[in-house]
Amino acid sequence: MPDLPLQPQKHQVSGQEREAFLAWLWEFLGAQKTLILATCKGSAPTCNLMSFVLASAECSLALATPKETAKHKAMRSNPAVSLMALDAPALEQDFDRGTAVTLDGEAMEIQDASQREQWEAAFTKANPRLEDFVKSSGSVLFRVDLRRVVSVTNFQQISEITL
């Protein structure tokens, strides 16, 4: 294995690169089945493994969670969330091929019935095994509007975009 770089190589995604970067991001996220959700209630951060669905045309995704859980309460009291998606090489610490993406955004509970129905259908299509769960009256859906994305590839190659 070659020597790993000690300093990150940072790149701010330019306006000209924006469309290509977002297309790559949507393709990358579309290949993932789960991501890690970080919430904070008070001063205690918490992480949870979550299934998700991407919005078709905007920089948003949706998560489903049971009502009355710590993550539900945390997102209602502090909508600032961070999500991390990792591909298989990253999980296996393949520093040459692995990719990790951090997505910072704002979570809002989807309360409008027609919007919830649309997101439920999309979530069920992406996660068919979770249909009963997502459509249950005991579950809530949160839309997360992305604000900032940081991707790390090849261990220290960092690309960042503000949305």
Foldseek 3Di string as FASTA:
>chain_A
DDDADPAFAEAEQDPVCVVVVVVVVVVLVLVFQWKWKWFDDDHDIDIDIWGWFADDPAQKIKTKDFPPDPVNVRCVVFQWMKIKDWDPCVVVVVLQFIKMKIWIWGKDWDDPPVVLVVNLVRSCVSPVVCNCVSPDPRMIMIMTRTAKMWMDHSNRHIYIYGD
